[in-house]
PDB file of N, CA and C in Angstrom:
ATOM      1  N   MET A   1      49.042-101.325 -87.739  1.00  0.00           N
ATOM      2  CA  MET A   1      48.316-100.100 -87.978  1.00  0.00           C
ATOM      3  C   MET A   1      47.584 -99.649 -86.721  1.00  0.00           C
ATOM      4  N   PHE A   2      46.968-100.622 -86.046  1.00  0.00           N
ATOM      5  CA  PHE A   2      46.229-100.285 -84.844  1.00  0.00           C
ATOM      6  C   PHE A   2      47.167 -99.768 -83.745  1.00  0.00           C
ATOM      7  N   GLY A   3      48.368-100.371 -83.690  1.00  0.00           N
ATOM      8  CA  GLY A   3      49.359 -99.941 -82.692  1.00  0.00           C
ATOM      9  C   GLY A   3      49.842 -98.530 -82.952  1.00  0.00           C
ATOM     10  N   SER A   4      50.074 -98.195 -84.221  1.00  0.00           N
ATOM     11  CA  SER A   4      50.523 -96.835 -84.529  1.00  0.00           C
ATOM     12  C   SER A   4      49.423 -95.815 -84.265  1.00  0.00           C
ATOM     13  N   LEU A   5      48.177 -96.227 -84.479  1.00  0.00           N
ATOM     14  CA  LEU A   5      47.063 -95.334 -84.170  1.00  0.00           C
ATOM     15  C   LEU A   5      46.976 -95.070 -82.667  1.00  0.00           C
ATOM     16  N   LEU A   6      47.181 -96.124 -81.874  1.00  0.00           N
ATOM     17  CA  LEU A   6      47.180 -95.951 -80.413  1.00  0.00           C
ATOM     18  C   LEU A   6      48.326 -95.052 -79.962  1.00  0.00           C
ATOM     19  N   ASN A   7      49.510 -95.237 -80.551  1.00  0.00           N
ATOM     20  CA  ASN A   7      50.643 -94.374 -80.195  1.00  0.00           C
ATOM     21  C   ASN A   7      50.356 -92.919 -80.553  1.00  0.00           C
ATOM     22  N   TYR A   8      49.754 -92.709 -81.706  1.00  0.00           N
ATOM     23  CA  TYR A   8      49.388 -91.358 -82.129  1.00  0.00           C
ATOM     24  C   TYR A   8      48.377 -90.737 -81.166  1.00  0.00           C
ATOM     25  N   MET A   9      47.376 -91.521 -80.765  1.00  0.00           N
ATOM     26  CA  MET A   9      46.373 -91.017 -79.806  1.00  0.00           C
ATOM     27  C   MET A   9      47.012 -90.728 -78.455  1.00  0.00           C
ATOM     28  N   LYS A  10      47.973 -91.572 -78.059  1.00  0.00           N
ATOM     29  CA  LYS A  10      48.679 -91.351 -76.796  1.00  0.00           C
ATOM     30  C   LYS A  10      49.445 -90.034 -76.833  1.00  0.00           C
ATOM     31  N   GLN A  11      50.103 -89.756 -77.954  1.00  0.00           N
ATOM     32  CA  GLN A  11      50.842 -88.505 -78.081  1.00  0.00           C
ATOM     33  C   GLN A  11      49.907 -87.300 -78.041  1.00  0.00           C
ATOM     34  N   ILE A  12      48.771 -87.405 -78.664  1.00  0.00           N
ATOM     35  CA  ILE A  12      47.802 -86.304 -78.641  1.00  0.00           C
ATOM     36  C   ILE A  12      47.299 -86.071 -77.223  1.00  0.00           C
ATOM     37  N   MET A  13      47.004 -87.139 -76.508  1.00  0.00           N
ATOM     38  CA  MET A  13      46.513 -87.001 -75.132  1.00  0.00           C
ATOM     39  C   MET A  13      47.590 -86.404 -74.222  1.00  0.00           C
ATOM     40  N   ARG A  14      48.844 -86.847 -74.411  1.00  0.00           N
ATOM     41  CA  ARG A  14      49.930 -86.288 -73.590  1.00  0.00           C
ATOM     42  C   ARG A  14      50.103 -84.799 -73.846  1.00  0.00           C
ATOM     43  N   SER A  15      50.059 -84.401 -75.090  1.00  0.00           N
ATOM     44  CA  SER A  15      50.233 -82.975 -75.380  1.00  0.00           C
ATOM     45  C   SER A  15      49.048 -82.168 -74.856  1.00  0.00           C
ATOM     46  N   ALA A  16      47.852 -82.745 -74.909  1.00  0.00           N
ATOM     47  CA  ALA A  16      46.687 -82.036 -74.363  1.00  0.00           C
ATOM     48  C   ALA A  16      46.804 -81.918 -72.855  1.00  0.00           C
ATOM     49  N   TRP A  17      47.232 -82.985 -72.166  1.00  0.00           N
ATOM     50  CA  TRP A  17      47.401 -82.920 -70.710  1.00  0.00           C
ATOM     51  C   TRP A  17      48.490 -81.933 -70.332  1.00  0.00           C
ATOM     52  N   ASN A  18      49.588 -81.933 -71.095  1.00  0.00           N
ATOM     53  CA  ASN A  18      50.670 -80.989 -70.801  1.00  0.00           C
ATOM     54  C   ASN A  18      50.186 -79.553 -70.941  1.00  0.00           C
ATOM     55  N   ALA A  19      49.421 -79.284 -71.971  1.00  0.00           N
ATOM     56  CA  ALA A  19      48.893 -77.928 -72.162  1.00  0.00           C
ATOM     57  C   ALA A  19      47.939 -77.566 -71.030  1.00  0.00           C
ATOM     58  N   GLN A  20      47.123 -78.522 -70.615  1.00  0.00           N
ATOM     59  CA  GLN A  20      46.174 -78.245 -69.533  1.00  0.00           C
ATOM     60  C   GLN A  20      46.914 -77.981 -68.228  1.00  0.00           C
ATOM     61  N   TYR A  21      47.952 -78.767 -67.949  1.00  0.00           N
ATOM     62  CA  TYR A  21      48.714 -78.539 -66.721  1.00  0.00           C
ATOM     63  C   TYR A  21      49.429 -77.193 -66.744  1.00  0.00           C
ATOM     64  N   ARG A  22      49.922 -76.785 -67.913  1.00  0.00           N
ATOM     65  CA  ARG A  22      50.565 -75.470 -68.002  1.00  0.00           C
ATOM     66  C   ARG A  22      49.564 -74.355 -67.742  1.00  0.00           C
ATOM     67  N   VAL A  23      48.360 -74.504 -68.249  1.00  0.00           N
ATOM     68  CA  VAL A  23      47.326 -73.490 -68.009  1.00  0.00           C
ATOM     69  C   VAL A  23      46.959 -73.448 -66.531  1.00  0.00           C
ATOM     70  N   LEU A  24      46.789 -74.613 -65.923  1.00  0.00           N
ATOM     71  CA  LEU A  24      46.444 -74.648 -64.499  1.00  0.00           C
ATOM     72  C   LEU A  24      47.572 -74.094 -63.637  1.00  0.00           C
ATOM     73  N   ALA A  25      48.809 -74.406 -63.993  1.00  0.00           N
ATOM     74  CA  ALA A  25      49.940 -73.862 -63.236  1.00  0.00           C
ATOM     75  C   ALA A  25      50.015 -72.347 -63.389  1.00  0.00           C
ATOM     76  N   GLY A  26      49.729 -71.841 -64.579  1.00  0.00           N
ATOM     77  CA  GLY A  26      49.715 -70.396 -64.794  1.00  0.00           C
ATOM     78  C   GLY A  26      48.621 -69.714 -63.995  1.00  0.00           C
ATOM     79  N   LEU A  27      47.445 -70.343 -63.951  1.00  0.00           N
ATOM     80  CA  LEU A  27      46.344 -69.772 -63.163  1.00  0.00           C
ATOM     81  C   LEU A  27      46.658 -69.788 -61.672  1.00  0.00           C
ATOM     82  N   ALA A  28      47.282 -70.876 -61.211  1.00  0.00           N
ATOM     83  CA  ALA A  28      47.656 -70.945 -59.800  1.00  0.00           C
ATOM     84  C   ALA A  28      48.694 -69.880 -59.464  1.00  0.00           C
ATOM     85  N   PHE A  29      49.662 -69.680 -60.347  1.00  0.00           N
ATOM     86  CA  PHE A  29      50.668 -68.640 -60.119  1.00  0.00           C
ATOM     87  C   PHE A  29      50.030 -67.268 -60.088  1.00  0.00           C
ATOM     88  N   MET A  30      49.100 -67.029 -60.993  1.00  0.00           N
ATOM     89  CA  MET A  30      48.426 -65.733 -61.037  1.00  0.00           C
ATOM     90  C   MET A  30      47.615 -65.499 -59.762  1.00  0.00           C
ATOM     91  N   ALA A  31      46.929 -66.530 -59.287  1.00  0.00           N
ATOM     92  CA  ALA A  31      46.149 -66.390 -58.061  1.00  0.00           C
ATOM     93  C   ALA A  31      47.053 -66.121 -56.860  1.00  0.00           C
ATOM     94  N   LEU A  32      48.184 -66.838 -56.780  1.00  0.00           N
ATOM     95  CA  LEU A  32      49.111 -66.600 -55.667  1.00  0.00           C
ATOM     96  C   LEU A  32      49.719 -65.201 -55.737  1.00  0.00           C
ATOM     97  N   ALA A  33      49.992 -64.717 -56.931  1.00  0.00           N
ATOM     98  CA  ALA A  33      50.529 -63.361 -57.071  1.00  0.00           C
ATOM     99  C   ALA A  33      49.501 -62.336 -56.615  1.00  0.00           C
ATOM    100  N   MET A  34      48.232 -62.542 -56.956  1.00  0.00           N
ATOM    101  CA  MET A  34      47.194 -61.604 -56.526  1.00  0.00           C
ATOM    102  C   MET A  34      47.033 -61.620 -55.009  1.00  0.00           C
ATOM    103  N   VAL A  35      47.103 -62.795 -54.408  1.00  0.00           N
ATOM    104  CA  VAL A  35      47.004 -62.890 -52.944  1.00  0.00           C
ATOM    105  C   VAL A  35      48.195 -62.196 -52.290  1.00  0.00           C
ATOM    106  N   ALA A  36      49.387 -62.387 -52.854  1.00  0.00           N
ATOM    107  CA  ALA A  36      50.576 -61.752 -52.288  1.00  0.00           C
ATOM    108  C   ALA A  36      50.483 -60.233 -52.372  1.00  0.00           C
ATOM    109  N   ILE A  37      49.975 -59.726 -53.477  1.00  0.00           N
ATOM    110  CA  ILE A  37      49.830 -58.275 -53.629  1.00  0.00           C
ATOM    111  C   ILE A  37      48.809 -57.733 -52.628  1.00  0.00           C
ATOM    112  N   GLN A  38      47.703 -58.427 -52.459  1.00  0.00           N
ATOM    113  CA  GLN A  38      46.694 -57.987 -51.502  1.00  0.00           C
ATOM    114  C   GLN A  38      47.238 -58.031 -50.077  1.00  0.00           C
ATOM    115  N   TYR A  39      48.000 -59.072 -49.745  1.00  0.00           N
ATOM    116  CA  TYR A  39      48.603 -59.149 -48.416  1.00  0.00           C
ATOM    117  C   TYR A  39      49.532 -57.961 -48.198  1.00  0.00           C
ATOM    118  N   ASP A  40      50.342 -57.674 -49.199  1.00  0.00           N
ATOM    119  CA  ASP A  40      51.312 -56.583 -49.075  1.00  0.00           C
ATOM    120  C   ASP A  40      50.626 -55.237 -48.913  1.00  0.00           C
ATOM    121  N   GLU A  41      49.491 -55.043 -49.574  1.00  0.00           N
ATOM    122  CA  GLU A  41      48.814 -53.752 -49.524  1.00  0.00           C
ATOM    123  C   GLU A  41      47.864 -53.616 -48.337  1.00  0.00           C
ATOM    124  N   VAL A  42      47.232 -54.711 -47.922  1.00  0.00           N
ATOM    125  CA  VAL A  42      46.170 -54.614 -46.921  1.00  0.00           C
ATOM    126  C   VAL A  42      46.631 -55.107 -45.551  1.00  0.00           C
ATOM    127  N   LEU A  43      47.146 -56.320 -45.481  1.00  0.00           N
ATOM    128  CA  LEU A  43      47.426 -56.921 -44.179  1.00  0.00           C
ATOM    129  C   LEU A  43      48.792 -56.559 -43.608  1.00  0.00           C
ATOM    130  N   ALA A  44      49.789 -56.410 -44.455  1.00  0.00           N
ATOM    131  CA  ALA A  44      51.145 -56.173 -43.957  1.00  0.00           C
ATOM    132  C   ALA A  44      51.261 -54.909 -43.111  1.00  0.00           C
ATOM    133  N   PRO A  45      50.645 -53.779 -43.474  1.00  0.00           N
ATOM    134  CA  PRO A  45      50.753 -52.609 -42.596  1.00  0.00           C
ATOM    135  C   PRO A  45      50.131 -52.848 -41.216  1.00  0.00           C
ATOM    136  N   LYS A  46      49.027 -53.585 -41.180  1.00  0.00           N
ATOM    137  CA  LYS A  46      48.397 -53.863 -39.884  1.00  0.00           C
ATOM    138  C   LYS A  46      49.254 -54.795 -39.046  1.00  0.00           C
ATOM    139  N   VAL A  47      49.846 -55.798 -39.686  1.00  0.00           N
ATOM    140  CA  VAL A  47      50.725 -56.725 -38.960  1.00  0.00           C
ATOM    141  C   VAL A  47      51.946 -55.980 -38.456  1.00  0.00           C
ATOM    142  N   HIS A  48      52.471 -55.069 -39.249  1.00  0.00           N
ATOM    143  CA  HIS A  48      53.624 -54.275 -38.822  1.00  0.00           C
ATOM    144  C   HIS A  48      53.258 -53.408 -37.618  1.00  0.00           C
ATOM    145  N   GLY A  49      52.047 -52.853 -37.646  1.00  0.00           N
ATOM    146  CA  GLY A  49      51.600 -52.054 -36.501  1.00  0.00           C
ATOM    147  C   GLY A  49      51.475 -52.893 -35.237  1.00  0.00           C
ATOM    148  N   LEU A  50      50.953 -54.097 -35.366  1.00  0.00           N
ATOM    149  CA  LEU A  50      50.865 -54.995 -34.215  1.00  0.00           C
ATOM    150  C   LEU A  50      52.250 -55.355 -33.697  1.00  0.00           C
ATOM    151  N   SER A  51      53.158 -55.624 -34.608  1.00  0.00           N
ATOM    152  CA  SER A  51      54.523 -55.968 -34.218  1.00  0.00           C
ATOM    153  C   SER A  51      55.182 -54.803 -33.487  1.00  0.00           C
ATOM    154  N   ASP A  52      54.985 -53.586 -33.984  1.00  0.00           N
ATOM    155  CA  ASP A  52      55.539 -52.413 -33.300  1.00  0.00           C
ATOM    156  C   ASP A  52      54.910 -52.236 -31.923  1.00  0.00           C
ATOM    157  N   GLY A  53      53.618 -52.532 -31.818  1.00  0.00           N
ATOM    158  CA  GLY A  53      52.949 -52.425 -30.520  1.00  0.00           C
ATOM    159  C   GLY A  53      53.520 -53.409 -29.512  1.00  0.00           C
ATOM    160  N   PHE A  54      53.727 -54.657 -29.944  1.00  0.00           N
ATOM    161  CA  PHE A  54      54.322 -55.650 -29.039  1.00  0.00           C
ATOM    162  C   PHE A  54      55.755 -55.285 -28.696  1.00  0.00           C
ATOM    163  N   GLY A  55      56.466 -54.716 -29.651  1.00  0.00           N
ATOM    164  CA  GLY A  55      57.838 -54.286 -29.381  1.00  0.00           C
ATOM    165  C   GLY A  55      57.881 -53.169 -28.358  1.00  0.00           C
ATOM    166  N   ALA A  56      56.935 -52.235 -28.453  1.00  0.00           N
ATOM    167  CA  ALA A  56      56.880 -51.139 -27.482  1.00  0.00           C
ATOM    168  C   ALA A  56      56.528 -51.657 -26.093  1.00  0.00           C
ATOM    169  N   ILE A  57      55.610 -52.605 -26.030  1.00  0.00           N
ATOM    170  CA  ILE A  57      55.243 -53.193 -24.736  1.00  0.00           C
ATOM    171  C   ILE A  57      56.426 -53.924 -24.125  1.00  0.00           C
ATOM    172  N   ALA A  58      57.142 -54.692 -24.945  1.00  0.00           N
ATOM    173  CA  ALA A  58      58.306 -55.425 -24.436  1.00  0.00           C
ATOM    174  C   ALA A  58      59.391 -54.476 -23.959  1.00  0.00           C
ATOM    175  N   THR A  59      59.612 -53.383 -24.673  1.00  0.00           N
ATOM    176  CA  THR A  59      60.606 -52.401 -24.261  1.00  0.00           C
ATOM    177  C   THR A  59      60.203 -51.742 -22.951  1.00  0.00           C
ATOM    178  N   ASP A  60      58.940 -51.394 -22.818  1.00  0.00           N
ATOM    179  CA  ASP A  60      58.448 -50.786 -21.582  1.00  0.00           C
ATOM    180  C   ASP A  60      58.586 -51.741 -20.401  1.00  0.00           C
ATOM    181  N   MET A  61      58.231 -53.005 -20.614  1.00  0.00           N
ATOM    182  CA  MET A  61      58.339 -53.992 -19.532  1.00  0.00           C
ATOM    183  C   MET A  61      59.799 -54.202 -19.133  1.00  0.00           C
ATOM    184  N   SER A  62      60.707 -54.227 -20.110  1.00  0.00           N
ATOM    185  CA  SER A  62      62.116 -54.421 -19.761  1.00  0.00           C
ATOM    186  C   SER A  62      62.648 -53.214 -18.987  1.00  0.00           C
ATOM    187  N   ARG A  63      62.203 -52.021 -19.335  1.00  0.00           N
ATOM    188  CA  ARG A  63      62.626 -50.836 -18.572  1.00  0.00           C
ATOM    189  C   ARG A  63      62.109 -50.891 -17.138  1.00  0.00           C
ATOM    190  N   ARG A  64      60.882 -51.336 -16.995  1.00  0.00           N
ATOM    191  CA  ARG A  64      60.320 -51.429 -15.637  1.00  0.00           C
ATOM    192  C   ARG A  64      61.038 -52.496 -14.803  1.00  0.00           C
ATOM    193  N   LEU A  65      61.349 -53.624 -15.461  1.00  0.00           N
ATOM    194  CA  LEU A  65      62.065 -54.681 -14.739  1.00  0.00           C
ATOM    195  C   LEU A  65      63.462 -54.239 -14.346  1.00  0.00           C
ATOM    196  N   THR A  66      64.152 -53.529 -15.196  1.00  0.00           N
ATOM    197  CA  THR A  66      65.496 -53.061 -14.848  1.00  0.00           C
ATOM    198  C   THR A  66      65.450 -51.988 -13.771  1.00  0.00           C
ATOM    199  N   SER A  67      64.372 -51.219 -13.722  1.00  0.00           N
ATOM    200  CA  SER A  67      64.294 -50.217 -12.680  1.00  0.00           C
ATOM    201  C   SER A  67      64.073 -50.860 -11.305  1.00  0.00           C
ATOM    202  N   PHE A  68      63.436 -52.041 -11.266  1.00  0.00           N
ATOM    203  CA  PHE A  68      63.252 -52.739  -9.997  1.00  0.00           C
ATOM    204  C   PHE A  68      64.568 -53.343  -9.517  1.00  0.00           C
ATOM    205  N   THR A  69      65.406 -53.816 -10.415  1.00  0.00           N
ATOM    206  CA  THR A  69      66.637 -54.474  -9.999  1.00  0.00           C
ATOM    207  C   THR A  69      67.719 -53.474  -9.631  1.00  0.00           C
ATOM    208  N   LEU A  70      67.638 -52.257 -10.121  1.00  0.00           N
ATOM    209  CA  LEU A  70      68.676 -51.282  -9.782  1.00  0.00           C
ATOM    210  C   LEU A  70      68.293 -50.657  -8.491  1.00  0.00           C
TER     211      LEU A  70
END
């Protein structure tokens, strides 16, 4: 009887832990989704602008270097 009671308690604890882990995983997913949305709306345009700026500088430098060699 005592063994079956322990098995029953073990099953209850496992199901409670599984439910808790599912809730925590859902909250973590929700937090990551919110961060991704904020990055896409706020930081990505600025990073794209920086990337375009570096691309323009690199293009200008390559034009200047080719003009010296010709």
